[in-house]
Amino acid sequence: MEGGIHIEAKGLGVLIRKPLLATESPFTAADNLVYSEDRNRKSLFNYWKSKTN
């Protein structure tokens, strides 16, 4: 593992990591990480759902 500070989000068998930038607050970085993953998953689900119909 490389050095530095990372933000991790764990849940439902998934682990998401990203480096914490010096200008970011840990709380907002964690919120943004979870929010962007949620958007990505919803987008993939909607794409899959449109292909099955």
C-alpha atoms as a PDB file:
ATOM      1  CA  MET A   1       0.000   0.000   0.000  1.00  0.00           C
ATOM      2  CA  GLU A   2       1.348   3.401  -0.891  1.00  0.00           C
ATOM      3  CA  GLY A   3       1.790   6.120   1.692  1.00  0.00           C
ATOM      4  CA  GLY A   4      -0.631   8.929   2.311  1.00  0.00           C
ATOM      5  CA  ILE A   5      -4.062   9.391   3.815  1.00  0.00           C
ATOM      6  CA  HIS A   6      -7.026   7.663   2.205  1.00  0.00           C
ATOM      7  CA  ILE A   7     -10.776   7.801   2.720  1.00  0.00           C
ATOM      8  CA  GLU A   8     -12.502   4.408   2.770  1.00  0.00           C
ATOM      9  CA  ALA A   9     -16.170   3.541   2.473  1.00  0.00           C
ATOM     10  CA  LYS A  10     -17.227   0.001   3.360  1.00  0.00           C
ATOM     11  CA  GLY A  11     -20.607  -1.604   2.969  1.00  0.00           C
ATOM     12  CA  LEU A  12     -22.432  -4.537   1.406  1.00  0.00           C
ATOM     13  CA  GLY A  13     -19.160  -6.250   0.558  1.00  0.00           C
ATOM     14  CA  VAL A  14     -17.735  -3.246  -1.286  1.00  0.00           C
ATOM     15  CA  LEU A  15     -14.682  -1.213  -0.325  1.00  0.00           C
ATOM     16  CA  ILE A  16     -14.121   2.148  -2.035  1.00  0.00           C
ATOM     17  CA  ARG A  17     -10.897   4.092  -1.482  1.00  0.00           C
ATOM     18  CA  LYS A  18      -9.614   7.448  -2.636  1.00  0.00           C
ATOM     19  CA  PRO A  19      -6.742   9.641  -1.499  1.00  0.00           C
ATOM     20  CA  LEU A  20      -7.594  12.565   0.751  1.00  0.00           C
ATOM     21  CA  LEU A  21      -6.377  15.835  -0.703  1.00  0.00           C
ATOM     22  CA  ALA A  22      -4.780  18.453   1.527  1.00  0.00           C
ATOM     23  CA  THR A  23      -7.570  20.952   0.779  1.00  0.00           C
ATOM     24  CA  GLU A  24     -10.445  18.548   1.563  1.00  0.00           C
ATOM     25  CA  SER A  25     -12.296  18.066   4.817  1.00  0.00           C
ATOM     26  CA  PRO A  26     -12.516  14.376   5.760  1.00  0.00           C
ATOM     27  CA  PHE A  27     -16.278  14.653   6.268  1.00  0.00           C
ATOM     28  CA  THR A  28     -17.016  16.254   2.897  1.00  0.00           C
ATOM     29  CA  ALA A  29     -14.601  13.916   1.118  1.00  0.00           C
ATOM     30  CA  ALA A  30     -16.403  10.898   2.605  1.00  0.00           C
ATOM     31  CA  ASP A  31     -19.809  12.312   1.668  1.00  0.00           C
ATOM     32  CA  ASN A  32     -18.654  13.008  -1.889  1.00  0.00           C
ATOM     33  CA  LEU A  33     -17.182   9.518  -2.200  1.00  0.00           C
ATOM     34  CA  VAL A  34     -20.426   7.824  -1.147  1.00  0.00           C
ATOM     35  CA  TYR A  35     -22.579  10.195  -3.220  1.00  0.00           C
ATOM     36  CA  SER A  36     -20.558   9.637  -6.413  1.00  0.00           C
ATOM     37  CA  GLU A  37     -20.673   5.854  -5.950  1.00  0.00           C
ATOM     38  CA  ASP A  38     -24.439   5.992  -5.390  1.00  0.00           C
ATOM     39  CA  ARG A  39     -24.893   8.045  -8.582  1.00  0.00           C
ATOM     40  CA  ASN A  40     -22.732   5.589 -10.521  1.00  0.00           C
ATOM     41  CA  ARG A  41     -24.688   2.563  -9.267  1.00  0.00           C
ATOM     42  CA  LYS A  42     -28.051   4.167 -10.053  1.00  0.00           C
ATOM     43  CA  SER A  43     -26.855   5.022 -13.532  1.00  0.00           C
ATOM     44  CA  LEU A  44     -25.659   1.463 -14.179  1.00  0.00           C
ATOM     45  CA  PHE A  45     -28.909   0.015 -12.810  1.00  0.00           C
ATOM     46  CA  ASN A  46     -31.049   2.292 -14.986  1.00  0.00           C
ATOM     47  CA  TYR A  47     -28.978   1.371 -18.046  1.00  0.00           C
ATOM     48  CA  TRP A  48     -29.362  -2.352 -17.279  1.00  0.00           C
ATOM     49  CA  LYS A  49     -33.089  -1.910 -16.652  1.00  0.00           C
ATOM     50  CA  SER A  50     -33.585  -0.140 -20.004  1.00  0.00           C
ATOM     51  CA  LYS A  51     -31.781  -2.978 -21.827  1.00  0.00           C
ATOM     52  CA  THR A  52     -33.914  -5.771 -20.295  1.00  0.00           C
ATOM     53  CA  ASN A  53     -37.248  -4.314 -21.507  1.00  0.00           C
END
